[in-house]
Amino acid sequence: MERAIIFTCILLLTTYTTPAQSKYYGKSSTYKPAKLKKTYLHFFLHDVLSGAKPTAVRIAGPRDLLAFGSVYAIDDVLTEGPEATSEVVGNAQGMYMSSSQGKNLTLVMCVDLGFTAGKYKGSSLSVLSRNPVTESRRELAVVGGRGRFRRAQGTIFVKTHTVNYTNGDAVLEYNVEVVHP
């Protein structure tokens, strides 16, 4: 009985003293949401798997071109037009993996689209998305960015401009819609 009384006293004392000992220090301010801008970009990505200086190199997986489980490291050129001689506006660096076992080729992409010229020089968009390559028009998710595209969200609409089915080289048209502060 005596232990129960002591326990009750301790419990009551800690209950009353805890709020007095706990202090939250913080600075209060009025939150003003940033005004969002919508930006549209248009460029071409050159994915080269062949030749003496490829921009996409298999780093893991089966030997067959783009077979299930193949992982490629990329440093693809971004240009204003579809020609290889068109003005370079940036590069796509990252990786993609062949993720489908069926007949429809699907890639999962983790890519940073870095801009090296023009208004967005020094900025980039981060892409993490599924890319169903055999579809004529597809969407990729923009999940972030750097520089002028910090905290960007949006969509990239991709169309295959040209593809060489023998060696895998392709030129892709990117139409980008992003919102950012």
Protein backbone atom coordinates (compact mmCIF):
# COMPACT_ATOMS: atom_id res chain seq x y z
CA MET A 1 0.00 0.00 0.00
CA GLU A 2 2.83 2.35 0.92
CA ARG A 3 4.50 1.71 -2.48
CA ALA A 4 1.26 2.59 -4.30
CA ILE A 5 1.06 5.93 -2.48
CA ILE A 6 4.70 6.76 -3.29
CA PHE A 7 4.22 5.76 -6.95
CA THR A 8 1.08 7.93 -7.19
CA CYS A 9 2.92 10.92 -5.68
CA ILE A 10 5.82 10.53 -8.13
CA LEU A 11 3.42 10.19 -11.05
CA LEU A 12 1.53 13.34 -10.04
CA LEU A 13 4.73 15.34 -9.51
CA THR A 14 6.16 14.39 -12.92
CA THR A 15 2.85 15.15 -14.59
CA TYR A 16 2.80 18.66 -13.12
CA THR A 17 6.49 19.47 -13.62
CA THR A 18 7.00 18.14 -17.15
CA PRO A 19 5.12 20.96 -18.95
CA ALA A 20 7.02 23.55 -16.94
CA GLN A 21 10.37 22.03 -17.96
CA SER A 22 9.51 21.56 -21.65
CA LYS A 23 9.96 24.61 -23.81
CA TYR A 24 9.71 24.86 -27.57
CA TYR A 25 11.88 27.50 -29.10
CA GLY A 26 10.92 28.63 -32.55
CA LYS A 27 10.47 31.67 -34.64
CA SER A 28 7.00 32.38 -35.86
CA SER A 29 6.41 33.99 -39.24
CA THR A 30 3.62 34.43 -41.70
CA TYR A 31 3.89 31.91 -44.54
CA LYS A 32 3.60 33.42 -47.99
CA PRO A 33 3.43 30.79 -50.73
CA ALA A 34 5.73 31.44 -53.65
CA LYS A 35 4.12 32.43 -56.91
CA LEU A 36 4.59 29.60 -59.37
CA LYS A 37 5.80 30.14 -62.92
CA LYS A 38 4.98 27.81 -65.77
CA THR A 39 7.82 27.17 -68.22
CA TYR A 40 7.70 25.42 -71.59
CA LEU A 41 10.87 24.02 -73.17
CA HIS A 42 11.47 22.21 -76.47
CA PHE A 43 14.65 20.35 -77.39
CA PHE A 44 16.00 17.07 -78.78
CA LEU A 45 17.92 14.34 -76.96
CA HIS A 46 20.52 12.34 -78.92
CA ASP A 47 20.98 8.82 -77.46
CA VAL A 48 23.95 7.20 -79.22
CA LEU A 49 24.79 3.55 -78.43
CA SER A 50 27.08 2.94 -81.44
CA GLY A 51 30.35 4.24 -82.84
CA ALA A 52 33.65 5.24 -81.31
CA LYS A 53 32.13 7.74 -78.85
CA PRO A 54 28.73 6.49 -77.62
CA THR A 55 26.69 8.64 -75.21
CA ALA A 56 24.97 5.61 -73.65
CA VAL A 57 27.02 2.66 -72.37
CA ARG A 58 25.75 -0.61 -70.88
CA ILE A 59 27.13 -0.97 -67.34
CA ALA A 60 25.22 -4.11 -66.27
CA GLY A 61 22.93 -6.80 -67.62
CA PRO A 62 22.69 -9.19 -70.56
CA ARG A 63 24.72 -8.63 -73.74
CA ASP A 64 21.64 -8.20 -75.98
CA LEU A 65 20.79 -4.58 -76.80
CA LEU A 66 18.24 -3.28 -74.28
CA ALA A 67 17.38 -6.77 -72.96
CA PHE A 68 15.48 -6.99 -69.66
CA GLY A 69 17.75 -5.95 -66.78
CA SER A 70 20.21 -3.97 -68.90
CA VAL A 71 21.42 -0.80 -67.18
CA TYR A 72 22.93 2.05 -69.19
CA ALA A 73 24.88 5.10 -68.02
CA ILE A 74 24.19 8.12 -70.21
CA ASP A 75 25.65 11.50 -71.07
CA ASP A 76 23.36 12.40 -73.98
CA VAL A 77 23.49 15.72 -75.82
CA LEU A 78 20.46 18.06 -75.82
CA THR A 79 20.11 20.24 -78.92
CA GLU A 80 17.74 22.88 -80.28
CA GLY A 81 16.98 20.86 -83.41
CA PRO A 82 17.00 17.17 -84.39
CA GLU A 83 20.27 17.40 -86.35
CA ALA A 84 23.49 16.40 -84.59
CA THR A 85 24.99 19.71 -85.76
CA SER A 86 22.22 21.76 -84.12
CA GLU A 87 23.15 24.12 -81.28
CA VAL A 88 23.82 22.27 -78.00
CA VAL A 89 21.69 23.50 -75.07
CA GLY A 90 22.70 20.93 -72.46
CA ASN A 91 23.09 17.27 -71.63
CA ALA A 92 21.16 14.44 -70.03
CA GLN A 93 23.24 12.60 -67.45
CA GLY A 94 22.13 9.61 -65.42
CA MET A 95 20.97 6.12 -66.21
CA TYR A 96 18.15 4.04 -67.58
CA MET A 97 17.24 0.41 -67.13
CA SER A 98 15.25 -1.93 -69.34
CA SER A 99 12.41 -2.96 -67.05
CA SER A 100 10.00 -5.04 -69.14
CA GLN A 101 10.10 -8.72 -69.95
CA GLY A 102 7.37 -8.45 -72.57
CA LYS A 103 7.60 -7.45 -76.21
CA ASN A 104 6.99 -3.74 -75.48
CA LEU A 105 10.27 -2.10 -74.45
CA THR A 106 9.96 -0.06 -71.25
CA LEU A 107 12.74 1.85 -69.52
CA VAL A 108 12.94 3.33 -66.04
CA MET A 109 14.89 6.57 -66.19
CA CYS A 110 16.80 8.49 -63.53
CA VAL A 111 18.21 11.47 -65.41
CA ASP A 112 19.35 15.05 -64.78
CA LEU A 113 18.69 17.37 -67.74
CA GLY A 114 21.38 20.01 -67.29
CA PHE A 115 21.26 23.19 -69.35
CA THR A 116 24.59 24.67 -70.48
CA ALA A 117 23.39 27.53 -72.69
CA GLY A 118 20.74 30.21 -72.87
CA LYS A 119 18.37 31.55 -70.23
CA TYR A 120 18.52 28.38 -68.10
CA LYS A 121 22.30 27.88 -68.17
CA GLY A 122 23.40 26.28 -64.89
CA SER A 123 19.92 24.97 -64.07
CA SER A 124 18.61 21.45 -64.44
CA LEU A 125 15.49 19.29 -64.28
CA SER A 126 15.40 15.94 -62.44
CA VAL A 127 13.50 13.10 -64.10
CA LEU A 128 12.52 9.85 -62.42
CA SER A 129 9.98 8.00 -64.51
CA ARG A 130 8.83 4.99 -66.49
CA ASN A 131 9.33 5.37 -70.24
CA PRO A 132 7.23 3.01 -72.41
CA VAL A 133 9.44 3.37 -75.50
CA THR A 134 7.11 1.64 -77.98
CA GLU A 135 4.29 4.15 -77.41
CA SER A 136 4.24 6.95 -79.98
CA ARG A 137 3.73 9.69 -77.38
CA ARG A 138 4.75 9.21 -73.79
CA GLU A 139 5.07 11.17 -70.57
CA LEU A 140 7.97 11.41 -68.13
CA ALA A 141 7.69 12.88 -64.63
CA VAL A 142 9.80 15.87 -63.62
CA VAL A 143 10.35 15.47 -59.88
CA GLY A 144 12.63 18.40 -59.09
CA GLY A 145 15.41 20.62 -60.30
CA ARG A 146 18.27 22.97 -59.53
CA GLY A 147 18.95 26.65 -60.13
CA ARG A 148 15.99 28.38 -61.79
CA PHE A 149 14.10 25.07 -61.64
CA ARG A 150 14.49 24.52 -57.88
CA ARG A 151 11.46 22.52 -56.59
CA ALA A 152 10.11 22.09 -60.14
CA GLN A 153 7.33 19.66 -60.95
CA GLY A 154 5.98 18.79 -64.33
CA THR A 155 5.80 16.56 -67.33
CA ILE A 156 7.94 15.87 -70.37
CA PHE A 157 6.08 14.73 -73.47
CA VAL A 158 8.42 12.54 -75.52
CA LYS A 159 8.17 11.52 -79.17
CA THR A 160 10.72 9.45 -81.04
CA HIS A 161 12.00 11.61 -83.90
CA THR A 162 14.30 8.98 -85.45
CA VAL A 163 15.57 5.56 -84.39
CA ASN A 164 18.04 3.09 -85.88
CA TYR A 165 16.71 -0.35 -84.94
CA THR A 166 20.03 -2.01 -85.84
CA ASN A 167 22.30 -0.14 -83.42
CA GLY A 168 19.79 1.51 -81.05
CA ASP A 169 20.73 5.12 -81.79
CA ALA A 170 17.78 7.48 -81.38
CA VAL A 171 16.83 11.15 -81.48
CA LEU A 172 13.95 12.02 -79.15
CA GLU A 173 11.83 15.17 -79.17
CA TYR A 174 11.17 16.58 -75.68
CA ASN A 175 8.35 19.03 -74.97
CA VAL A 176 8.59 20.08 -71.33
CA GLU A 177 5.96 21.72 -69.07
CA VAL A 178 7.13 22.58 -65.56
CA VAL A 179 5.93 24.75 -62.70
CA HIS A 180 8.47 26.23 -60.31
CA PRO A 181 8.84 29.12 -57.86
